Amino acid sequence: MNIHQIVKKLPHRYPFLLVDRVVDMKKNTWIKAIKNVTINEPFFTGHFPHRPVMPGVLILEALAQASALLSFASMDEDPGDDSVVYFVGIDGVRFKRPVEPGDQLILESTIERHKAGIYKYKTRASVDGETCTEAELMCTMRRIS
């Protein structure tokens, strides 16, 4: 899935669109996506200017966006402008390595469970095969008016 397909599925836009490409996916199972981290990211100007580090909450957001793309593909549904995906839980978060400008963040998400409109995912973000972040995410899609 390229960036043009991604923006048709996710409501996020710069600077909060955090998935650049979907590399591979198996519906109802898993997804692998990429976030290219550059020094031009707006958060680097204030998040340790002397040693730029991608904020952990944005890594979690990138994992959630990749997970949402998996859910939409699994449901064979385009969310439309009247839907939004919300976090309902984040468990077991571990930050194991900082993410810096020039890194290519690999975002992986596996559906653990889908029940009553709530998805639970096991996620992992890595750089060069080394785990940066792990978390279990729970999300749901809601119609807005």
N, C-alpha and C. Protein backbone atom coordinates (compact mmCIF):
# COMPACT_ATOMS: atom_id res chain seq x y z
N MET A 1 0.86 -1.16 0.00
CA MET A 1 0.00 0.00 0.00
C MET A 1 0.91 1.23 0.00
N ASN A 2 0.74 2.08 -0.96
CA ASN A 2 1.57 3.28 -1.03
C ASN A 2 0.89 4.43 -0.29
N ILE A 3 1.55 5.57 -0.25
CA ILE A 3 1.06 6.71 0.52
C ILE A 3 -0.29 7.21 0.01
N HIS A 4 -0.55 7.10 -1.29
CA HIS A 4 -1.82 7.55 -1.85
C HIS A 4 -2.98 6.68 -1.36
N GLN A 5 -2.72 5.39 -1.23
CA GLN A 5 -3.74 4.47 -0.71
C GLN A 5 -3.92 4.67 0.80
N ILE A 6 -2.83 4.96 1.49
CA ILE A 6 -2.88 5.16 2.94
C ILE A 6 -3.74 6.37 3.28
N VAL A 7 -3.56 7.48 2.58
CA VAL A 7 -4.32 8.70 2.91
C VAL A 7 -5.81 8.54 2.59
N LYS A 8 -6.17 7.57 1.76
CA LYS A 8 -7.58 7.29 1.52
C LYS A 8 -8.21 6.53 2.69
N LYS A 9 -7.37 5.86 3.48
CA LYS A 9 -7.87 5.05 4.60
C LYS A 9 -7.78 5.78 5.94
N LEU A 10 -6.71 6.53 6.16
CA LEU A 10 -6.50 7.19 7.45
C LEU A 10 -6.88 8.67 7.37
N PRO A 11 -7.51 9.20 8.42
CA PRO A 11 -7.88 10.61 8.41
C PRO A 11 -6.71 11.53 8.75
N HIS A 12 -5.60 10.99 9.21
CA HIS A 12 -4.46 11.78 9.66
C HIS A 12 -3.77 12.45 8.48
N ARG A 13 -3.22 13.63 8.74
CA ARG A 13 -2.44 14.37 7.75
C ARG A 13 -1.22 14.93 8.47
N TYR A 14 -0.28 15.47 7.68
CA TYR A 14 0.92 16.06 8.24
C TYR A 14 0.55 17.04 9.34
N PRO A 15 1.18 17.02 10.46
CA PRO A 15 2.35 16.22 10.83
C PRO A 15 2.01 14.92 11.57
N PHE A 16 0.74 14.50 11.55
CA PHE A 16 0.36 13.32 12.33
C PHE A 16 0.14 12.06 11.52
N LEU A 17 0.35 12.08 10.23
CA LEU A 17 0.31 10.85 9.45
C LEU A 17 1.68 10.19 9.62
N LEU A 18 1.71 9.04 10.27
CA LEU A 18 2.98 8.43 10.68
C LEU A 18 3.25 7.08 10.03
N VAL A 19 2.55 6.78 8.94
CA VAL A 19 2.83 5.56 8.17
C VAL A 19 3.11 6.00 6.74
N ASP A 20 4.28 5.64 6.23
CA ASP A 20 4.67 6.03 4.87
C ASP A 20 4.35 4.97 3.82
N ARG A 21 4.36 3.70 4.24
CA ARG A 21 4.14 2.61 3.29
C ARG A 21 3.77 1.34 4.05
N VAL A 22 2.88 0.56 3.46
CA VAL A 22 2.61 -0.78 3.97
C VAL A 22 3.41 -1.74 3.09
N VAL A 23 4.30 -2.49 3.72
CA VAL A 23 5.19 -3.39 3.00
C VAL A 23 4.51 -4.72 2.71
N ASP A 24 3.76 -5.24 3.69
CA ASP A 24 3.12 -6.53 3.55
C ASP A 24 1.98 -6.62 4.54
N MET A 25 0.99 -7.46 4.22
CA MET A 25 -0.15 -7.59 5.10
C MET A 25 -0.88 -8.89 4.78
N LYS A 26 -1.42 -9.51 5.81
CA LYS A 26 -2.33 -10.64 5.65
C LYS A 26 -3.61 -10.27 6.39
N LYS A 27 -4.70 -10.10 5.63
CA LYS A 27 -5.97 -9.70 6.23
C LYS A 27 -6.30 -10.57 7.43
N ASN A 28 -6.88 -9.93 8.43
CA ASN A 28 -7.32 -10.60 9.67
C ASN A 28 -6.18 -11.17 10.49
N THR A 29 -4.93 -10.86 10.13
CA THR A 29 -3.80 -11.48 10.82
C THR A 29 -2.73 -10.47 11.23
N TRP A 30 -2.00 -9.89 10.25
CA TRP A 30 -0.86 -9.03 10.57
C TRP A 30 -0.59 -8.02 9.47
N ILE A 31 0.22 -7.02 9.84
CA ILE A 31 0.65 -5.98 8.91
C ILE A 31 2.09 -5.60 9.22
N LYS A 32 2.80 -5.19 8.18
CA LYS A 32 4.16 -4.66 8.33
C LYS A 32 4.22 -3.37 7.52
N ALA A 33 4.56 -2.27 8.20
CA ALA A 33 4.57 -0.95 7.56
C ALA A 33 5.85 -0.21 7.92
N ILE A 34 6.06 0.93 7.25
CA ILE A 34 7.28 1.72 7.42
C ILE A 34 6.95 3.16 7.77
N LYS A 35 7.72 3.71 8.68
CA LYS A 35 7.75 5.15 8.96
C LYS A 35 9.20 5.58 8.79
N ASN A 36 9.47 6.41 7.80
CA ASN A 36 10.81 6.95 7.62
C ASN A 36 10.95 8.17 8.51
N VAL A 37 11.91 8.14 9.41
CA VAL A 37 12.09 9.20 10.40
C VAL A 37 13.18 10.15 9.89
N THR A 38 12.81 11.42 9.69
CA THR A 38 13.78 12.40 9.18
C THR A 38 13.97 13.53 10.18
N ILE A 39 15.07 14.23 10.05
CA ILE A 39 15.37 15.37 10.92
C ILE A 39 14.35 16.49 10.73
N ASN A 40 13.60 16.46 9.62
CA ASN A 40 12.60 17.49 9.33
C ASN A 40 11.30 17.32 10.11
N GLU A 41 11.17 16.27 10.90
CA GLU A 41 9.95 16.07 11.69
C GLU A 41 9.80 17.25 12.66
N PRO A 42 8.61 17.83 12.76
CA PRO A 42 8.44 19.02 13.60
C PRO A 42 8.73 18.80 15.08
N PHE A 43 8.57 17.58 15.58
CA PHE A 43 8.79 17.33 17.01
C PHE A 43 10.26 17.37 17.39
N PHE A 44 11.16 17.19 16.43
CA PHE A 44 12.59 17.18 16.76
C PHE A 44 13.11 18.55 17.19
N THR A 45 12.44 19.63 16.78
CA THR A 45 12.93 20.96 17.17
C THR A 45 12.81 21.18 18.67
N GLY A 46 11.88 20.47 19.32
CA GLY A 46 11.70 20.67 20.75
C GLY A 46 11.94 19.45 21.61
N HIS A 47 12.04 18.28 20.98
CA HIS A 47 12.22 17.05 21.77
C HIS A 47 13.70 16.68 21.77
N PHE A 48 14.38 17.29 22.70
CA PHE A 48 15.83 17.14 22.89
C PHE A 48 16.61 17.64 21.67
N PRO A 49 16.57 18.95 21.41
CA PRO A 49 17.28 19.50 20.24
C PRO A 49 18.76 19.13 20.21
N HIS A 50 19.37 18.94 21.39
CA HIS A 50 20.79 18.57 21.44
C HIS A 50 20.99 17.08 21.14
N ARG A 51 19.92 16.29 21.22
CA ARG A 51 19.97 14.84 20.92
C ARG A 51 18.56 14.42 20.51
N PRO A 52 18.18 14.67 19.23
CA PRO A 52 16.80 14.43 18.79
C PRO A 52 16.38 12.97 18.94
N VAL A 53 15.22 12.76 19.57
CA VAL A 53 14.65 11.44 19.79
C VAL A 53 13.16 11.51 19.47
N MET A 54 12.65 10.53 18.73
CA MET A 54 11.22 10.49 18.43
C MET A 54 10.46 10.17 19.72
N PRO A 55 9.46 10.98 20.06
CA PRO A 55 8.69 10.73 21.28
C PRO A 55 8.02 9.36 21.26
N GLY A 56 8.07 8.68 22.40
CA GLY A 56 7.48 7.35 22.51
C GLY A 56 5.99 7.33 22.18
N VAL A 57 5.28 8.38 22.57
CA VAL A 57 3.84 8.41 22.27
C VAL A 57 3.58 8.46 20.77
N LEU A 58 4.50 9.04 20.01
CA LEU A 58 4.32 9.07 18.56
C LEU A 58 4.66 7.71 17.94
N ILE A 59 5.58 6.97 18.54
CA ILE A 59 5.83 5.60 18.08
C ILE A 59 4.57 4.77 18.31
N LEU A 60 3.94 4.93 19.47
CA LEU A 60 2.68 4.23 19.74
C LEU A 60 1.60 4.65 18.75
N GLU A 61 1.54 5.92 18.42
CA GLU A 61 0.56 6.40 17.44
C GLU A 61 0.83 5.79 16.07
N ALA A 62 2.09 5.69 15.67
CA ALA A 62 2.43 5.06 14.39
C ALA A 62 1.99 3.59 14.38
N LEU A 63 2.21 2.89 15.49
CA LEU A 63 1.76 1.50 15.60
C LEU A 63 0.24 1.41 15.52
N ALA A 64 -0.46 2.36 16.14
CA ALA A 64 -1.92 2.38 16.09
C ALA A 64 -2.43 2.64 14.67
N GLN A 65 -1.76 3.54 13.95
CA GLN A 65 -2.17 3.82 12.58
C GLN A 65 -1.97 2.60 11.69
N ALA A 66 -0.86 1.91 11.86
CA ALA A 66 -0.63 0.67 11.09
C ALA A 66 -1.71 -0.36 11.44
N SER A 67 -2.03 -0.46 12.73
CA SER A 67 -3.06 -1.40 13.17
C SER A 67 -4.43 -1.05 12.58
N ALA A 68 -4.74 0.23 12.52
CA ALA A 68 -6.01 0.67 11.93
C ALA A 68 -6.07 0.29 10.45
N LEU A 69 -4.97 0.44 9.74
CA LEU A 69 -4.93 0.04 8.33
C LEU A 69 -5.22 -1.46 8.18
N LEU A 70 -4.68 -2.25 9.09
CA LEU A 70 -4.94 -3.70 9.09
C LEU A 70 -6.43 -3.96 9.34
N SER A 71 -7.01 -3.27 10.29
CA SER A 71 -8.43 -3.46 10.60
C SER A 71 -9.31 -3.09 9.41
N PHE A 72 -9.04 -1.95 8.79
CA PHE A 72 -9.84 -1.53 7.64
C PHE A 72 -9.75 -2.55 6.52
N ALA A 73 -8.55 -3.03 6.25
CA ALA A 73 -8.37 -4.04 5.20
C ALA A 73 -9.09 -5.33 5.57
N SER A 74 -9.04 -5.70 6.84
CA SER A 74 -9.68 -6.93 7.29
C SER A 74 -11.20 -6.85 7.19
N MET A 75 -11.74 -5.66 7.42
CA MET A 75 -13.19 -5.45 7.34
C MET A 75 -13.64 -5.18 5.90
N ASP A 76 -12.66 -5.06 4.97
CA ASP A 76 -12.97 -4.65 3.60
C ASP A 76 -13.81 -3.38 3.60
N GLU A 77 -13.38 -2.42 4.41
CA GLU A 77 -14.15 -1.20 4.60
C GLU A 77 -13.24 0.02 4.53
N ASP A 78 -13.75 1.06 3.89
CA ASP A 78 -13.10 2.36 3.96
C ASP A 78 -13.81 3.12 5.07
N PRO A 79 -13.06 3.71 5.99
CA PRO A 79 -13.69 4.32 7.15
C PRO A 79 -14.57 5.52 6.82
N GLY A 80 -14.22 6.29 5.81
CA GLY A 80 -15.01 7.47 5.47
C GLY A 80 -14.78 8.61 6.46
N ASP A 81 -15.34 9.76 6.13
CA ASP A 81 -15.17 10.96 6.96
C ASP A 81 -16.01 10.92 8.24
N ASP A 82 -16.93 9.97 8.33
CA ASP A 82 -17.80 9.91 9.49
C ASP A 82 -17.34 8.88 10.53
N SER A 83 -16.12 8.36 10.37
CA SER A 83 -15.59 7.37 11.30
C SER A 83 -14.22 7.77 11.81
N VAL A 84 -13.93 7.35 13.02
CA VAL A 84 -12.63 7.58 13.60
C VAL A 84 -12.28 6.38 14.47
N VAL A 85 -10.99 6.07 14.55
CA VAL A 85 -10.52 4.96 15.39
C VAL A 85 -9.93 5.56 16.66
N TYR A 86 -10.39 5.06 17.80
CA TYR A 86 -9.93 5.54 19.09
C TYR A 86 -9.18 4.43 19.84
N PHE A 87 -8.18 4.84 20.63
CA PHE A 87 -7.58 3.93 21.60
C PHE A 87 -8.62 3.64 22.68
N VAL A 88 -8.68 2.39 23.12
CA VAL A 88 -9.45 2.07 24.32
C VAL A 88 -8.55 1.44 25.38
N GLY A 89 -7.32 1.14 25.01
CA GLY A 89 -6.37 0.62 25.98
C GLY A 89 -4.99 0.46 25.40
N ILE A 90 -3.99 0.65 26.25
CA ILE A 90 -2.60 0.43 25.88
C ILE A 90 -1.96 -0.28 27.07
N ASP A 91 -1.46 -1.49 26.83
CA ASP A 91 -0.88 -2.29 27.91
C ASP A 91 0.52 -2.77 27.55
N GLY A 92 1.29 -3.06 28.57
CA GLY A 92 2.59 -3.70 28.40
C GLY A 92 3.57 -2.93 27.54
N VAL A 93 3.53 -1.62 27.60
CA VAL A 93 4.43 -0.81 26.76
C VAL A 93 5.86 -0.90 27.30
N ARG A 94 6.78 -1.13 26.38
CA ARG A 94 8.20 -1.15 26.71
C ARG A 94 8.96 -0.39 25.62
N PHE A 95 9.78 0.55 26.06
CA PHE A 95 10.66 1.29 25.15
C PHE A 95 12.07 0.76 25.37
N LYS A 96 12.65 0.21 24.32
CA LYS A 96 13.92 -0.49 24.48
C LYS A 96 15.10 0.18 23.78
N ARG A 97 14.80 1.13 22.90
CA ARG A 97 15.85 1.79 22.12
C ARG A 97 15.29 3.10 21.58
N PRO A 98 16.07 4.18 21.63
CA PRO A 98 15.56 5.44 21.06
C PRO A 98 15.49 5.37 19.53
N VAL A 99 14.57 6.14 18.99
CA VAL A 99 14.43 6.27 17.53
C VAL A 99 14.90 7.66 17.17
N GLU A 100 15.85 7.72 16.25
CA GLU A 100 16.52 8.98 15.92
C GLU A 100 16.35 9.32 14.44
N PRO A 101 16.63 10.57 14.06
CA PRO A 101 16.56 10.94 12.65
C PRO A 101 17.44 10.02 11.80
N GLY A 102 16.92 9.64 10.66
CA GLY A 102 17.63 8.74 9.76
C GLY A 102 17.22 7.29 9.92
N ASP A 103 16.52 6.97 11.01
CA ASP A 103 16.05 5.60 11.22
C ASP A 103 14.86 5.30 10.33
N GLN A 104 14.76 4.04 9.92
CA GLN A 104 13.55 3.56 9.26
C GLN A 104 12.84 2.67 10.27
N LEU A 105 11.70 3.14 10.73
CA LEU A 105 10.94 2.45 11.76
C LEU A 105 10.04 1.42 11.09
N ILE A 106 10.23 0.16 11.45
CA ILE A 106 9.39 -0.92 10.95
C ILE A 106 8.28 -1.15 11.97
N LEU A 107 7.05 -1.04 11.50
CA LEU A 107 5.87 -1.16 12.36
C LEU A 107 5.19 -2.49 12.07
N GLU A 108 5.05 -3.31 13.11
CA GLU A 108 4.41 -4.61 12.94
C GLU A 108 3.26 -4.73 13.92
N SER A 109 2.15 -5.25 13.44
CA SER A 109 0.97 -5.42 14.29
C SER A 109 0.29 -6.73 13.91
N THR A 110 -0.12 -7.45 14.94
CA THR A 110 -0.84 -8.72 14.77
C THR A 110 -2.15 -8.61 15.53
N ILE A 111 -3.24 -9.02 14.88
CA ILE A 111 -4.53 -9.03 15.57
C ILE A 111 -4.54 -10.20 16.54
N GLU A 112 -4.71 -9.89 17.81
CA GLU A 112 -4.81 -10.91 18.85
C GLU A 112 -6.26 -11.33 19.05
N ARG A 113 -7.16 -10.34 18.94
CA ARG A 113 -8.57 -10.63 19.19
C ARG A 113 -9.42 -9.52 18.57
N HIS A 114 -10.61 -9.90 18.11
CA HIS A 114 -11.60 -8.94 17.62
C HIS A 114 -12.95 -9.39 18.16
N LYS A 115 -13.51 -8.57 19.06
CA LYS A 115 -14.78 -8.93 19.69
C LYS A 115 -15.55 -7.66 20.00
N ALA A 116 -16.83 -7.67 19.65
CA ALA A 116 -17.74 -6.55 19.95
C ALA A 116 -17.20 -5.21 19.47
N GLY A 117 -16.59 -5.20 18.29
CA GLY A 117 -16.09 -3.95 17.71
C GLY A 117 -14.78 -3.45 18.28
N ILE A 118 -14.17 -4.22 19.19
CA ILE A 118 -12.89 -3.83 19.76
C ILE A 118 -11.81 -4.78 19.26
N TYR A 119 -10.76 -4.19 18.71
CA TYR A 119 -9.61 -4.96 18.25
C TYR A 119 -8.50 -4.88 19.28
N LYS A 120 -7.84 -6.01 19.51
CA LYS A 120 -6.65 -6.03 20.35
C LYS A 120 -5.48 -6.49 19.48
N TYR A 121 -4.40 -5.72 19.54
CA TYR A 121 -3.23 -5.99 18.70
C TYR A 121 -1.99 -6.18 19.56
N LYS A 122 -1.12 -7.03 19.10
CA LYS A 122 0.23 -7.12 19.66
C LYS A 122 1.12 -6.40 18.65
N THR A 123 1.85 -5.37 19.12
CA THR A 123 2.61 -4.54 18.19
C THR A 123 4.09 -4.49 18.57
N ARG A 124 4.87 -4.16 17.55
CA ARG A 124 6.32 -4.03 17.73
C ARG A 124 6.84 -3.02 16.72
N ALA A 125 7.69 -2.11 17.19
CA ALA A 125 8.40 -1.19 16.30
C ALA A 125 9.88 -1.51 16.41
N SER A 126 10.56 -1.53 15.26
CA SER A 126 11.98 -1.87 15.28
C SER A 126 12.75 -1.04 14.26
N VAL A 127 14.05 -0.99 14.48
CA VAL A 127 14.99 -0.35 13.55
C VAL A 127 16.12 -1.34 13.34
N ASP A 128 16.40 -1.65 12.09
CA ASP A 128 17.47 -2.59 11.74
C ASP A 128 17.35 -3.91 12.51
N GLY A 129 16.13 -4.38 12.70
CA GLY A 129 15.89 -5.64 13.38
C GLY A 129 15.92 -5.58 14.89
N GLU A 130 16.26 -4.42 15.44
CA GLU A 130 16.34 -4.25 16.89
C GLU A 130 15.04 -3.61 17.41
N THR A 131 14.41 -4.25 18.37
CA THR A 131 13.15 -3.76 18.91
C THR A 131 13.33 -2.41 19.60
N CYS A 132 12.46 -1.46 19.25
CA CYS A 132 12.43 -0.15 19.88
C CYS A 132 11.30 -0.08 20.90
N THR A 133 10.14 -0.55 20.48
CA THR A 133 8.94 -0.44 21.29
C THR A 133 8.08 -1.68 21.10
N GLU A 134 7.48 -2.13 22.20
CA GLU A 134 6.49 -3.20 22.17
C GLU A 134 5.28 -2.73 22.95
N ALA A 135 4.08 -3.13 22.51
CA ALA A 135 2.87 -2.76 23.25
C ALA A 135 1.70 -3.60 22.77
N GLU A 136 0.74 -3.77 23.65
CA GLU A 136 -0.56 -4.32 23.28
C GLU A 136 -1.51 -3.14 23.20
N LEU A 137 -2.16 -2.99 22.05
CA LEU A 137 -3.07 -1.87 21.82
C LEU A 137 -4.49 -2.39 21.67
N MET A 138 -5.44 -1.65 22.18
CA MET A 138 -6.84 -1.95 21.94
C MET A 138 -7.50 -0.70 21.35
N CYS A 139 -8.22 -0.90 20.25
CA CYS A 139 -8.83 0.21 19.54
C CYS A 139 -10.23 -0.17 19.11
N THR A 140 -11.03 0.86 18.86
CA THR A 140 -12.37 0.65 18.31
C THR A 140 -12.68 1.76 17.31
N MET A 141 -13.55 1.46 16.37
CA MET A 141 -13.98 2.46 15.39
C MET A 141 -15.36 2.96 15.78
N ARG A 142 -15.52 4.27 15.74
CA ARG A 142 -16.81 4.87 16.08
C ARG A 142 -17.22 5.85 14.99
N ARG A 143 -18.51 5.88 14.73
CA ARG A 143 -19.07 6.87 13.81
C ARG A 143 -19.18 8.20 14.56
N ILE A 144 -18.88 9.26 13.87
CA ILE A 144 -19.00 10.60 14.46
C ILE A 144 -20.03 11.38 13.68
N SER A 145 -20.62 12.36 14.31
CA SER A 145 -21.62 13.17 13.59
C SER A 145 -21.35 14.64 13.76
